[in-house]
């Protein structure tokens, strides 16, 4: 019997950007022992996705083989489960993180590992959920694991800086930091100052102004934790703005970040820069979806595109001026 086919978008080599994406018909994947097959309802595009296509992360993240169907943050409905799957059944609405190695998000169907899949409450839309597995969890875990911040308000209030606060990770970081009753300073472009203020930031800096470029808090506060969501800001800019034991969580680490991290360690500096890449766990996904359900966290959606216009969504992400998440709806 012929395999059932689905619509998908893939690329076959590094480079080319949006023009390298091709619309194809391919067989619907079959879930393995511990996997679920999802009918996708929403897929989020992350900068990481097109950076992989560019080959910028070739030493660490390499598609298993070409052609490759990109994107890994998804939400949808379970239509089939592998023989050892215990926690899900056909008809369940879920959120999932696909593996970077195999991708699969720009398609009508995809397979996800059971342990990287979480139930999605009916109150949380697929588009809202699709932004959480990477962007939401990165913000959450950076704040908790490295920043030492409690999100339930039981910890001692801290001063937090979020750079590029109108981007995918930044918008979650601002909201989550405020959940813990922390003082939040944020940077963004001039057009998004009111937007970021609306997320709960106490102080917002235009990164193109002298004050914004220096990262100085208007109230003179020193930062206990910095969730650094952009690139190109040297340690020498952060260091004078940090409290005695302040930490910069670098979410876009480059070689200079690694050198600073190593230098901080060998000199026993109390101020630290820590490169960070999130490890997705179901527990974190469940926590974030519950916060969205309870109205304590919002996914800000910049725009939605059908799968037939996936290359337009891809180009918009590369352009770098989206306010919130870019969603593709298969």
Protein backbone atom coordinates (compact mmCIF):
# COMPACT_ATOMS: atom_id res chain seq x y z
CA UNK A 1 0.00 0.00 0.00
CA UNK A 2 1.33 3.44 -0.91
CA UNK A 3 2.53 5.57 2.00
CA UNK A 4 0.29 8.47 2.97
CA UNK A 5 1.81 11.77 1.82
CA UNK A 6 1.90 15.20 3.48
CA UNK A 7 2.85 18.73 2.55
CA UNK A 8 6.19 19.88 3.93
CA UNK A 9 8.85 22.56 3.47
CA UNK A 10 12.51 21.57 3.33
CA UNK A 11 15.96 22.68 2.22
CA UNK A 12 18.69 20.61 0.63
CA UNK A 13 21.89 22.54 1.35
CA UNK A 14 23.37 25.27 3.53
CA UNK A 15 22.76 28.89 2.56
CA UNK A 16 20.14 30.49 0.30
CA UNK A 17 17.85 31.70 3.12
CA UNK A 18 14.14 31.81 2.32
CA UNK A 19 14.79 31.07 -1.35
CA UNK A 20 16.32 27.74 -0.35
CA UNK A 21 13.03 26.48 1.09
CA UNK A 22 11.11 24.14 -1.21
CA UNK A 23 7.52 22.90 -0.95
CA UNK A 24 7.37 19.14 -1.33
CA UNK A 25 5.18 16.09 -0.76
CA UNK A 26 6.82 13.49 1.47
CA UNK A 27 5.60 10.41 3.36
CA UNK A 28 3.97 11.00 6.75
CA UNK A 29 6.53 9.84 9.36
CA UNK A 30 5.91 6.75 11.47
CA UNK A 31 6.34 7.02 15.25
CA UNK A 32 8.99 4.80 16.79
CA UNK A 33 8.62 2.90 20.07
CA UNK A 34 8.59 5.94 22.37
CA UNK A 35 7.29 8.55 19.93
CA UNK A 36 3.96 10.17 19.12
CA UNK A 37 2.76 11.23 15.68
CA UNK A 38 1.31 14.73 15.72
CA UNK A 39 -1.00 16.48 13.31
CA UNK A 40 0.57 19.92 13.59
CA UNK A 41 -1.57 22.98 14.30
CA UNK A 42 1.18 25.57 14.91
CA UNK A 43 4.94 25.77 14.50
CA UNK A 44 7.18 28.56 15.77
CA UNK A 45 10.21 29.78 13.83
CA UNK A 46 13.30 30.56 15.91
CA UNK A 47 16.51 32.36 14.87
CA UNK A 48 18.27 29.07 15.62
CA UNK A 49 16.39 27.48 12.71
CA UNK A 50 17.76 29.77 10.01
CA UNK A 51 21.19 29.92 11.65
CA UNK A 52 21.39 26.15 11.18
CA UNK A 53 20.42 26.60 7.53
CA UNK A 54 23.16 29.22 7.14
CA UNK A 55 25.67 26.74 8.52
CA UNK A 56 26.62 29.07 11.38
CA UNK A 57 26.24 26.26 13.91
CA UNK A 58 27.80 23.56 11.78
CA UNK A 59 30.30 22.47 14.47
CA UNK A 60 27.51 21.72 16.96
CA UNK A 61 24.19 21.33 15.18
CA UNK A 62 24.14 19.57 11.86
CA UNK A 63 21.04 18.16 10.17
CA UNK A 64 21.30 14.39 10.14
CA UNK A 65 21.03 14.53 6.38
CA UNK A 66 19.66 16.64 3.56
CA UNK A 67 16.95 17.32 2.60
CA UNK A 68 15.94 18.68 6.02
CA UNK A 69 12.55 19.86 7.28
CA UNK A 70 13.34 22.67 9.77
CA UNK A 71 11.73 23.95 13.01
CA UNK A 72 11.24 22.15 16.30
CA UNK A 73 8.74 24.15 18.44
CA UNK A 74 5.30 22.73 17.72
CA UNK A 75 1.77 22.23 19.01
CA UNK A 76 -0.83 19.85 17.66
CA UNK A 77 -2.95 16.75 18.16
CA UNK A 78 -1.75 13.21 18.75
CA UNK A 79 -2.97 10.91 15.94
CA UNK A 80 -0.86 7.81 16.64
CA UNK A 81 1.43 6.57 19.40
CA UNK A 82 4.38 4.16 19.51
CA UNK A 83 3.90 0.81 21.30
CA UNK A 84 5.63 1.92 24.53
CA UNK A 85 4.00 5.34 24.86
CA UNK A 86 2.08 5.47 28.14
CA UNK A 87 1.08 9.07 28.75
CA UNK A 88 -0.64 10.04 25.50
CA UNK A 89 -3.35 8.71 23.22
CA UNK A 90 -4.90 9.69 19.90
CA UNK A 91 -6.91 12.89 20.23
CA UNK A 92 -4.75 14.50 22.96
CA UNK A 93 -3.82 18.14 22.39
CA UNK A 94 -0.11 18.65 23.10
CA UNK A 95 2.93 20.87 22.89
CA UNK A 96 6.28 19.35 21.88
CA UNK A 97 9.94 20.02 21.15
CA UNK A 98 11.18 18.05 18.15
CA UNK A 99 14.82 17.01 18.03
CA UNK A 100 17.17 19.46 16.31
CA UNK A 101 18.84 16.59 14.51
CA UNK A 102 15.71 15.50 12.67
CA UNK A 103 13.58 18.68 12.75
CA UNK A 104 10.21 18.29 11.07
CA UNK A 105 8.14 21.30 12.18
CA UNK A 106 7.39 22.85 8.76
CA UNK A 107 5.02 20.06 7.75
CA UNK A 108 1.51 18.78 8.28
CA UNK A 109 2.66 15.93 10.55
CA UNK A 110 5.72 15.30 12.73
CA UNK A 111 6.96 12.75 15.27
CA UNK A 112 8.00 13.79 18.77
CA UNK A 113 9.61 11.92 21.64
CA UNK A 114 7.14 11.19 24.44
CA UNK A 115 9.44 12.74 27.05
CA UNK A 116 9.63 16.01 25.07
CA UNK A 117 5.84 16.24 24.78
CA UNK A 118 3.42 17.77 27.27
CA UNK A 119 -0.37 18.01 27.50
CA UNK A 120 -1.83 21.31 26.33
CA UNK A 121 -4.82 22.66 28.29
CA UNK A 122 -7.84 23.54 26.17
CA UNK A 123 -7.52 27.16 27.36
CA UNK A 124 -4.13 27.46 25.61
CA UNK A 125 -4.24 27.83 21.83
CA UNK A 126 -1.82 25.98 19.57
CA UNK A 127 -0.19 29.26 18.49
CA UNK A 128 0.31 30.33 22.12
CA UNK A 129 1.81 26.97 23.01
CA UNK A 130 4.15 26.75 20.02
CA UNK A 131 6.32 29.58 21.34
CA UNK A 132 7.07 27.87 24.64
CA UNK A 133 9.38 24.85 24.10
CA UNK A 134 12.55 26.80 23.23
CA UNK A 135 11.93 30.52 23.76
CA UNK A 136 9.78 30.18 26.87
CA UNK A 137 11.88 27.46 28.47
CA UNK A 138 15.12 29.29 27.72
CA UNK A 139 13.84 32.35 29.59
CA UNK A 140 12.46 30.27 32.46
CA UNK A 141 15.52 28.09 33.01
CA UNK A 142 18.01 30.94 32.55
CA UNK A 143 16.24 32.90 35.29
CA UNK A 144 15.88 29.95 37.67
CA UNK A 145 18.98 27.80 37.08
CA UNK A 146 21.61 30.50 36.47
CA UNK A 147 19.99 33.70 37.71
CA UNK A 148 18.90 32.11 40.99
CA UNK A 149 15.46 33.70 40.69
CA UNK A 150 12.27 32.22 42.13
CA UNK A 151 9.29 32.80 39.87
CA UNK A 152 6.67 32.35 42.57
CA UNK A 153 7.64 35.47 44.49
CA UNK A 154 9.04 33.61 47.50
CA UNK A 155 12.64 34.64 46.86
CA UNK A 156 14.39 37.88 47.73
CA UNK A 157 13.59 40.44 45.01
CA UNK A 158 16.47 40.99 42.60
CA UNK A 159 17.38 43.51 39.94
CA UNK A 160 17.18 41.91 36.51
CA UNK A 161 18.22 43.22 33.09
CA UNK A 162 16.78 41.69 29.91
CA UNK A 163 18.43 42.66 26.62
CA UNK A 164 16.50 42.46 23.32
CA UNK A 165 13.35 42.27 25.42
CA UNK A 166 10.91 42.46 22.50
CA UNK A 167 12.29 39.28 20.92
CA UNK A 168 11.12 35.70 21.33
CA UNK A 169 13.04 34.91 24.52
CA UNK A 170 13.10 38.43 25.94
CA UNK A 171 9.34 38.87 26.07
CA UNK A 172 9.02 35.73 28.19
CA UNK A 173 11.99 36.70 30.39
CA UNK A 174 10.46 40.06 31.30
CA UNK A 175 7.11 38.51 32.23
CA UNK A 176 8.62 35.63 34.22
CA UNK A 177 11.02 37.89 36.11
CA UNK A 178 8.10 40.12 37.13
CA UNK A 179 6.18 37.07 38.39
CA UNK A 180 8.91 36.77 41.02
CA UNK A 181 8.43 40.41 42.13
CA UNK A 182 11.81 41.44 40.75
CA UNK A 183 12.79 44.88 39.43
CA UNK A 184 13.19 44.54 35.65
CA UNK A 185 15.14 46.81 33.34
CA UNK A 186 14.87 45.98 29.65
CA UNK A 187 16.41 47.08 26.36
CA UNK A 188 14.75 47.18 22.95
CA UNK A 189 14.34 49.41 19.90
CA UNK A 190 12.51 52.72 20.13
CA UNK A 191 9.35 51.43 18.44
CA UNK A 192 8.91 48.73 21.10
CA UNK A 193 9.43 50.81 24.26
CA UNK A 194 5.74 50.93 25.13
CA UNK A 195 5.26 47.27 24.20
CA UNK A 196 8.00 46.11 26.58
CA UNK A 197 6.71 48.42 29.30
CA UNK A 198 3.36 46.71 28.82
CA UNK A 199 4.97 43.33 29.53
CA UNK A 200 5.78 44.59 33.00
CA UNK A 201 9.28 46.06 32.72
CA UNK A 202 9.94 48.76 35.32
CA UNK A 203 12.51 50.59 33.16
CA UNK A 204 12.95 50.37 29.39
CA UNK A 205 16.01 51.59 27.49
CA UNK A 206 16.32 52.30 23.77
CA UNK A 207 19.47 50.33 22.94
CA UNK A 208 20.48 52.91 20.31
CA UNK A 209 20.75 55.77 22.82
CA UNK A 210 23.89 56.43 24.85
CA UNK A 211 22.14 55.38 28.05
CA UNK A 212 20.80 52.22 26.42
CA UNK A 213 24.16 51.29 24.94
CA UNK A 214 25.79 51.64 28.36
CA UNK A 215 23.05 49.45 29.92
CA UNK A 216 22.88 51.74 32.94
CA UNK A 217 19.68 51.48 34.95
CA UNK A 218 17.92 54.90 35.07
CA UNK A 219 17.35 54.32 38.79
CA UNK A 220 21.02 53.51 39.33
CA UNK A 221 20.39 49.89 40.30
CA UNK A 222 23.10 47.28 39.83
CA UNK A 223 21.93 44.06 38.19
CA UNK A 224 21.93 40.76 40.06
CA UNK A 225 21.08 38.87 36.87
CA UNK A 226 21.19 39.72 33.17
CA UNK A 227 19.27 37.63 30.65
CA UNK A 228 21.29 38.50 27.57
CA UNK A 229 19.25 37.70 24.46
CA UNK A 230 21.31 39.43 21.78
CA UNK A 231 24.94 39.60 20.67
CA UNK A 232 27.71 42.15 20.27
CA UNK A 233 27.81 43.58 23.80
CA UNK A 234 31.24 43.11 25.42
CA UNK A 235 31.81 42.00 29.02
CA UNK A 236 33.37 45.42 29.72
CA UNK A 237 29.91 46.99 29.24
CA UNK A 238 28.17 44.56 31.57
CA UNK A 239 30.78 44.39 34.34
CA UNK A 240 30.40 47.89 35.88
CA UNK A 241 26.60 47.50 35.92
CA UNK A 242 26.59 44.26 37.90
CA UNK A 243 26.10 43.85 41.63
CA UNK A 244 28.86 42.20 43.66
CA UNK A 245 27.79 38.69 42.61
CA UNK A 246 25.96 39.63 39.43
CA UNK A 247 25.68 37.07 36.62
CA UNK A 248 25.19 37.53 32.88
CA UNK A 249 23.39 34.59 31.27
CA UNK A 250 24.56 34.64 27.64
CA UNK A 251 21.94 33.02 25.41
CA UNK A 252 23.86 33.61 22.16
CA UNK A 253 27.35 32.54 23.21
CA UNK A 254 30.29 33.08 20.86
CA UNK A 255 34.01 32.44 21.28
CA UNK A 256 34.55 35.65 23.27
CA UNK A 257 31.83 34.51 25.71
CA UNK A 258 33.71 31.28 26.32
CA UNK A 259 36.93 33.20 26.99
CA UNK A 260 35.17 35.49 29.47
CA UNK A 261 33.53 32.51 31.18
CA UNK A 262 36.91 30.78 31.53
CA UNK A 263 38.64 33.96 32.71
CA UNK A 264 35.96 34.53 35.38
CA UNK A 265 36.60 31.03 36.69
CA UNK A 266 40.39 31.14 36.83
CA UNK A 267 40.38 34.59 38.47
CA UNK A 268 37.66 33.54 40.96
CA UNK A 269 35.61 36.58 39.97
CA UNK A 270 32.34 36.94 41.87
CA UNK A 271 30.84 38.56 38.78
CA UNK A 272 30.23 35.94 36.10
CA UNK A 273 29.25 35.45 32.48
CA UNK A 274 27.67 32.04 31.87
CA UNK A 275 26.95 30.69 28.35
CA UNK A 276 23.59 28.92 28.36
CA UNK A 277 21.71 26.58 26.02
CA UNK A 278 18.43 25.20 27.29
CA UNK A 279 17.71 21.51 27.86
CA UNK A 280 14.02 20.89 27.21
CA UNK A 281 12.15 18.82 29.81
CA UNK A 282 8.46 17.99 30.06
CA UNK A 283 8.25 19.42 33.58
CA UNK A 284 9.22 22.86 32.27
CA UNK A 285 6.72 22.66 29.41
CA UNK A 286 3.94 21.77 31.85
CA UNK A 287 4.88 24.67 34.12
CA UNK A 288 4.79 27.20 31.29
CA UNK A 289 1.50 25.97 29.82
CA UNK A 290 -0.05 26.19 33.29
CA UNK A 291 1.14 29.79 33.62
CA UNK A 292 -0.42 30.61 30.24
CA UNK A 293 -3.65 28.86 31.26
CA UNK A 294 -3.73 30.87 34.51
CA UNK A 295 -3.23 34.15 32.65
CA UNK A 296 0.15 34.79 34.27
CA UNK A 297 2.17 34.47 31.05
CA UNK A 298 1.45 35.51 27.48
CA UNK A 299 2.88 34.41 24.18
CA UNK A 300 3.08 37.55 22.06
CA UNK A 301 2.46 36.61 18.43
CA UNK A 302 4.01 38.90 15.84
CA UNK A 303 2.42 37.23 12.83
CA UNK A 304 0.93 34.02 11.47
CA UNK A 305 1.54 32.40 8.09
CA UNK A 306 0.05 29.33 6.39
CA UNK A 307 2.47 26.55 5.47
CA UNK A 308 2.14 27.65 1.83
CA UNK A 309 3.80 30.96 2.82
CA UNK A 310 6.48 29.48 5.08
CA UNK A 311 9.28 31.20 3.14
CA UNK A 312 7.71 34.60 3.99
CA UNK A 313 7.74 33.67 7.67
CA UNK A 314 11.34 32.51 7.33
CA UNK A 315 12.39 35.79 5.70
CA UNK A 316 10.65 37.79 8.41
CA UNK A 317 12.56 35.92 11.11
CA UNK A 318 15.87 36.51 9.31
CA UNK A 319 15.01 40.22 9.06
CA UNK A 320 15.18 40.32 12.85
CA UNK A 321 12.51 42.92 13.59
CA UNK A 322 9.62 40.73 14.68
CA UNK A 323 7.92 41.73 17.92
CA UNK A 324 7.14 38.36 19.47
CA UNK A 325 6.79 34.96 17.86
CA UNK A 326 6.41 34.12 14.17
CA UNK A 327 3.98 31.23 13.77
CA UNK A 328 3.36 28.90 10.81
CA UNK A 329 0.01 27.10 10.80
CA UNK A 330 0.17 23.94 8.66
